[in-house]
Amino acid sequence: MKRSDVIRILWRCFLFCLICVILLTYVYAICKVPSGSMEPTIRTRSFILALRLPYIISDPTPQVGDIIVFRSHLPGDERLLLKRVIGLPGDTIEIHDGHVYRNGVVLDEPYLTQEGATYAPWAAYTVPDAKLMVLGDNRGNSRDSRYWRDPYVPVDAVWGRVLSF
């Protein structure tokens, strides 16, 4: 093999690695799911791929139903968390009779394994500007907005949106 061929191969390997690093730093994030809060939608200890680019370049607000990866906003907690968005800025969220109500309308949640499985002592909450409300899909085993002292996730804490699988 000629020296020029070896150099060409090394440059291609270098460019491939550089592209992978850029993609995994700015476009996508690979995360391991640490708990069962999103089961059965996402299994414990599975790996997910999240799209990061829109949150880096334009700060879009996720949509209701999106599964997002976000940095914990709890003091002293730097973990990345994974939950489903149920409330956007300005929405009024209530939970009663086992259902989530968004602006007075029951949320359609086909991803839940048991209809009417959402319990918590919630009165009506109005989501402030630049904040979100989130719940895990495994409502009986999820520490989410229902249990946090500050139930809102800052939009700027969102790392990415989990890609559909």
C-alpha atoms as a PDB file:
ATOM      1  CA  MET A   1       0.000   0.000   0.000  1.00  0.00           C
ATOM      2  CA  LYS A   2       1.315   3.409  -0.959  1.00  0.00           C
ATOM      3  CA  ARG A   3       1.933   6.105   1.569  1.00  0.00           C
ATOM      4  CA  SER A   4      -0.601   8.391  -0.164  1.00  0.00           C
ATOM      5  CA  ASP A   5      -3.278   5.664   0.210  1.00  0.00           C
ATOM      6  CA  VAL A   6      -2.583   5.385   3.939  1.00  0.00           C
ATOM      7  CA  ILE A   7      -2.797   9.164   4.340  1.00  0.00           C
ATOM      8  CA  ARG A   8      -6.075   9.244   2.399  1.00  0.00           C
ATOM      9  CA  ILE A   9      -7.537   6.483   4.627  1.00  0.00           C
ATOM     10  CA  LEU A  10      -6.404   8.267   7.786  1.00  0.00           C
ATOM     11  CA  TRP A  11      -7.972  11.546   6.625  1.00  0.00           C
ATOM     12  CA  ARG A  12     -11.257   9.762   5.894  1.00  0.00           C
ATOM     13  CA  CYS A  13     -11.207   8.163   9.360  1.00  0.00           C
ATOM     14  CA  PHE A  14     -10.452  11.521  10.941  1.00  0.00           C
ATOM     15  CA  LEU A  15     -13.287  13.247   9.048  1.00  0.00           C
ATOM     16  CA  PHE A  16     -15.706  10.437   9.932  1.00  0.00           C
ATOM     17  CA  CYS A  17     -14.807  10.742  13.640  1.00  0.00           C
ATOM     18  CA  LEU A  18     -15.085  14.538  13.525  1.00  0.00           C
ATOM     19  CA  ILE A  19     -18.550  14.339  11.927  1.00  0.00           C
ATOM     20  CA  CYS A  20     -19.652  11.805  14.578  1.00  0.00           C
ATOM     21  CA  VAL A  21     -18.440  14.056  17.391  1.00  0.00           C
ATOM     22  CA  ILE A  22     -20.235  17.079  15.928  1.00  0.00           C
ATOM     23  CA  LEU A  23     -23.463  15.105  15.426  1.00  0.00           C
ATOM     24  CA  LEU A  24     -23.418  13.687  18.956  1.00  0.00           C
ATOM     25  CA  THR A  25     -22.561  17.039  20.519  1.00  0.00           C
ATOM     26  CA  TYR A  26     -24.846  19.439  18.676  1.00  0.00           C
ATOM     27  CA  VAL A  27     -27.459  17.475  16.737  1.00  0.00           C
ATOM     28  CA  TYR A  28     -28.223  14.306  18.704  1.00  0.00           C
ATOM     29  CA  ALA A  29     -27.775  13.041  22.239  1.00  0.00           C
ATOM     30  CA  ILE A  30     -27.663   9.403  23.256  1.00  0.00           C
ATOM     31  CA  CYS A  31     -29.006   8.892  26.766  1.00  0.00           C
ATOM     32  CA  LYS A  32     -29.479   5.864  28.974  1.00  0.00           C
ATOM     33  CA  VAL A  33     -32.853   5.641  30.716  1.00  0.00           C
ATOM     34  CA  PRO A  34     -32.138   5.234  34.456  1.00  0.00           C
ATOM     35  CA  SER A  35     -35.606   4.432  35.802  1.00  0.00           C
ATOM     36  CA  GLY A  36     -38.976   2.951  34.942  1.00  0.00           C
ATOM     37  CA  SER A  37     -40.841   6.267  34.947  1.00  0.00           C
ATOM     38  CA  MET A  38     -41.535   6.083  31.204  1.00  0.00           C
ATOM     39  CA  GLU A  39     -42.421   2.386  30.942  1.00  0.00           C
ATOM     40  CA  PRO A  40     -43.803   0.752  28.908  1.00  0.00           C
ATOM     41  CA  THR A  41     -43.114   3.454  26.295  1.00  0.00           C
ATOM     42  CA  ILE A  42     -39.372   3.415  27.067  1.00  0.00           C
ATOM     43  CA  ARG A  43     -37.872   0.541  29.033  1.00  0.00           C
ATOM     44  CA  THR A  44     -35.507   0.966  31.982  1.00  0.00           C
ATOM     45  CA  ARG A  45     -31.809   0.871  31.035  1.00  0.00           C
ATOM     46  CA  SER A  46     -32.559   1.296  27.326  1.00  0.00           C
ATOM     47  CA  PHE A  47     -30.797   3.906  25.224  1.00  0.00           C
ATOM     48  CA  ILE A  48     -32.685   6.693  23.476  1.00  0.00           C
ATOM     49  CA  LEU A  49     -31.732   9.157  20.779  1.00  0.00           C
ATOM     50  CA  ALA A  50     -32.750  12.771  21.348  1.00  0.00           C
ATOM     51  CA  LEU A  51     -32.709  15.534  18.762  1.00  0.00           C
ATOM     52  CA  ARG A  52     -30.808  18.516  20.224  1.00  0.00           C
ATOM     53  CA  LEU A  53     -30.260  20.874  17.297  1.00  0.00           C
ATOM     54  CA  PRO A  54     -33.550  22.840  17.464  1.00  0.00           C
ATOM     55  CA  TYR A  55     -32.981  23.564  21.163  1.00  0.00           C
ATOM     56  CA  ILE A  56     -29.433  24.768  20.519  1.00  0.00           C
ATOM     57  CA  ILE A  57     -30.119  27.095  17.588  1.00  0.00           C
ATOM     58  CA  SER A  58     -33.621  28.472  18.183  1.00  0.00           C
ATOM     59  CA  ASP A  59     -35.057  27.557  21.620  1.00  0.00           C
ATOM     60  CA  PRO A  60     -38.425  26.154  20.442  1.00  0.00           C
ATOM     61  CA  THR A  61     -41.066  25.170  22.972  1.00  0.00           C
ATOM     62  CA  PRO A  62     -41.828  21.426  22.894  1.00  0.00           C
ATOM     63  CA  GLN A  63     -45.386  20.344  22.114  1.00  0.00           C
ATOM     64  CA  VAL A  64     -47.820  18.533  24.398  1.00  0.00           C
ATOM     65  CA  GLY A  65     -47.129  14.817  24.080  1.00  0.00           C
ATOM     66  CA  ASP A  66     -43.424  15.221  23.241  1.00  0.00           C
ATOM     67  CA  ILE A  67     -41.003  13.183  25.323  1.00  0.00           C
ATOM     68  CA  ILE A  68     -38.166  15.468  26.302  1.00  0.00           C
ATOM     69  CA  VAL A  69     -34.736  15.161  27.878  1.00  0.00           C
ATOM     70  CA  PHE A  70     -34.017  17.991  30.293  1.00  0.00           C
ATOM     71  CA  ARG A  71     -31.553  18.934  32.982  1.00  0.00           C
ATOM     72  CA  SER A  72     -33.071  18.673  36.444  1.00  0.00           C
ATOM     73  CA  HIS A  73     -34.035  22.063  37.818  1.00  0.00           C
ATOM     74  CA  LEU A  74     -33.948  20.836  41.415  1.00  0.00           C
ATOM     75  CA  PRO A  75     -31.198  22.389  43.571  1.00  0.00           C
ATOM     76  CA  GLY A  76     -28.067  20.239  43.656  1.00  0.00           C
ATOM     77  CA  ASP A  77     -29.397  17.772  41.068  1.00  0.00           C
ATOM     78  CA  GLU A  78     -27.523  17.785  37.750  1.00  0.00           C
ATOM     79  CA  ARG A  79     -29.098  14.654  36.234  1.00  0.00           C
ATOM     80  CA  LEU A  80     -30.724  14.495  32.850  1.00  0.00           C
ATOM     81  CA  LEU A  81     -34.369  13.461  33.144  1.00  0.00           C
ATOM     82  CA  LEU A  82     -36.845  12.075  30.656  1.00  0.00           C
ATOM     83  CA  LYS A  83     -40.589  12.885  30.812  1.00  0.00           C
ATOM     84  CA  ARG A  84     -43.612  13.635  28.628  1.00  0.00           C
ATOM     85  CA  VAL A  85     -44.834  17.238  28.218  1.00  0.00           C
ATOM     86  CA  ILE A  86     -48.421  17.700  29.424  1.00  0.00           C
ATOM     87  CA  GLY A  87     -48.576  21.479  29.826  1.00  0.00           C
ATOM     88  CA  LEU A  88     -47.262  24.480  27.899  1.00  0.00           C
ATOM     89  CA  PRO A  89     -46.933  28.108  29.013  1.00  0.00           C
ATOM     90  CA  GLY A  90     -50.404  29.503  29.747  1.00  0.00           C
ATOM     91  CA  ASP A  91     -52.097  26.084  30.012  1.00  0.00           C
ATOM     92  CA  THR A  92     -54.212  25.231  33.046  1.00  0.00           C
ATOM     93  CA  ILE A  93     -53.525  21.663  34.194  1.00  0.00           C
ATOM     94  CA  GLU A  94     -55.688  19.699  36.623  1.00  0.00           C
ATOM     95  CA  ILE A  95     -55.705  16.077  37.720  1.00  0.00           C
ATOM     96  CA  HIS A  96     -58.859  14.518  39.111  1.00  0.00           C
ATOM     97  CA  ASP A  97     -60.783  11.266  38.753  1.00  0.00           C
ATOM     98  CA  GLY A  98     -57.549   9.668  37.512  1.00  0.00           C
ATOM     99  CA  HIS A  99     -57.292  11.870  34.406  1.00  0.00           C
ATOM    100  CA  VAL A 100     -55.197  14.856  33.333  1.00  0.00           C
ATOM    101  CA  TYR A 101     -57.162  17.880  32.127  1.00  0.00           C
ATOM    102  CA  ARG A 102     -55.503  20.509  29.967  1.00  0.00           C
ATOM    103  CA  ASN A 103     -57.515  23.721  29.733  1.00  0.00           C
ATOM    104  CA  GLY A 104     -60.610  21.829  30.892  1.00  0.00           C
ATOM    105  CA  VAL A 105     -60.311  19.019  28.317  1.00  0.00           C
ATOM    106  CA  VAL A 106     -59.217  15.472  29.188  1.00  0.00           C
ATOM    107  CA  LEU A 107     -55.830  14.714  27.601  1.00  0.00           C
ATOM    108  CA  ASP A 108     -55.916  11.842  25.140  1.00  0.00           C
ATOM    109  CA  GLU A 109     -53.137   9.592  26.450  1.00  0.00           C
ATOM    110  CA  PRO A 110     -53.089   6.367  24.406  1.00  0.00           C
ATOM    111  CA  TYR A 111     -49.576   5.577  25.663  1.00  0.00           C
ATOM    112  CA  LEU A 112     -50.862   4.852  29.189  1.00  0.00           C
ATOM    113  CA  THR A 113     -51.431   1.153  29.904  1.00  0.00           C
ATOM    114  CA  GLN A 114     -54.329   1.857  32.248  1.00  0.00           C
ATOM    115  CA  GLU A 115     -56.855   4.583  31.511  1.00  0.00           C
ATOM    116  CA  GLY A 116     -57.586   6.823  34.487  1.00  0.00           C
ATOM    117  CA  ALA A 117     -54.315   5.933  36.197  1.00  0.00           C
ATOM    118  CA  THR A 118     -53.085   9.430  37.033  1.00  0.00           C
ATOM    119  CA  TYR A 119     -53.403  10.255  40.706  1.00  0.00           C
ATOM    120  CA  ALA A 120     -52.136  13.156  42.737  1.00  0.00           C
ATOM    121  CA  PRO A 121     -53.660  15.826  44.938  1.00  0.00           C
ATOM    122  CA  TRP A 122     -53.647  18.516  42.247  1.00  0.00           C
ATOM    123  CA  ALA A 123     -55.750  21.604  42.086  1.00  0.00           C
ATOM    124  CA  ALA A 124     -55.595  23.711  38.954  1.00  0.00           C
ATOM    125  CA  TYR A 125     -52.110  24.920  38.007  1.00  0.00           C
ATOM    126  CA  THR A 126     -51.480  27.535  35.350  1.00  0.00           C
ATOM    127  CA  VAL A 127     -48.131  26.982  33.659  1.00  0.00           C
ATOM    128  CA  PRO A 128     -46.036  30.204  33.757  1.00  0.00           C
ATOM    129  CA  ASP A 129     -44.254  31.717  30.770  1.00  0.00           C
ATOM    130  CA  ALA A 130     -41.120  29.848  29.649  1.00  0.00           C
ATOM    131  CA  LYS A 131     -42.073  26.762  31.718  1.00  0.00           C
ATOM    132  CA  LEU A 132     -43.500  23.280  31.077  1.00  0.00           C
ATOM    133  CA  MET A 133     -45.302  20.623  33.100  1.00  0.00           C
ATOM    134  CA  VAL A 134     -44.200  17.018  32.627  1.00  0.00           C
ATOM    135  CA  LEU A 135     -45.313  13.544  33.711  1.00  0.00           C
ATOM    136  CA  GLY A 136     -43.845  10.094  33.313  1.00  0.00           C
ATOM    137  CA  ASP A 137     -45.887   7.507  31.394  1.00  0.00           C
ATOM    138  CA  ASN A 138     -45.633   5.058  34.301  1.00  0.00           C
ATOM    139  CA  ARG A 139     -47.808   7.254  36.512  1.00  0.00           C
ATOM    140  CA  GLY A 140     -47.615   4.963  39.535  1.00  0.00           C
ATOM    141  CA  ASN A 141     -43.793   4.961  39.481  1.00  0.00           C
ATOM    142  CA  SER A 142     -42.715   8.394  38.332  1.00  0.00           C
ATOM    143  CA  ARG A 143     -41.340  11.322  40.296  1.00  0.00           C
ATOM    144  CA  ASP A 144     -42.502  14.170  38.091  1.00  0.00           C
ATOM    145  CA  SER A 145     -44.249  17.559  38.239  1.00  0.00           C
ATOM    146  CA  ARG A 146     -46.862  16.128  40.611  1.00  0.00           C
ATOM    147  CA  TYR A 147     -44.266  15.680  43.360  1.00  0.00           C
ATOM    148  CA  TRP A 148     -41.777  18.507  42.873  1.00  0.00           C
ATOM    149  CA  ARG A 149     -41.855  21.571  45.104  1.00  0.00           C
ATOM    150  CA  ASP A 150     -41.607  23.633  41.900  1.00  0.00           C
ATOM    151  CA  PRO A 151     -43.690  21.631  39.409  1.00  0.00           C
ATOM    152  CA  TYR A 152     -42.466  23.525  36.343  1.00  0.00           C
ATOM    153  CA  VAL A 153     -39.532  22.714  34.062  1.00  0.00           C
ATOM    154  CA  PRO A 154     -37.854  25.780  32.524  1.00  0.00           C
ATOM    155  CA  VAL A 155     -37.985  25.634  28.727  1.00  0.00           C
ATOM    156  CA  ASP A 156     -34.291  26.538  28.646  1.00  0.00           C
ATOM    157  CA  ALA A 157     -33.505  23.355  30.634  1.00  0.00           C
ATOM    158  CA  VAL A 158     -34.729  21.197  27.729  1.00  0.00           C
ATOM    159  CA  TRP A 159     -31.835  19.333  26.168  1.00  0.00           C
ATOM    160  CA  GLY A 160     -33.682  17.628  23.354  1.00  0.00           C
ATOM    161  CA  ARG A 161     -36.764  15.795  22.124  1.00  0.00           C
ATOM    162  CA  VAL A 162     -36.739  12.016  22.077  1.00  0.00           C
ATOM    163  CA  LEU A 163     -37.065  10.747  18.544  1.00  0.00           C
ATOM    164  CA  SER A 164     -39.993   8.436  17.850  1.00  0.00           C
ATOM    165  CA  PHE A 165     -39.271   4.747  17.903  1.00  0.00           C
END
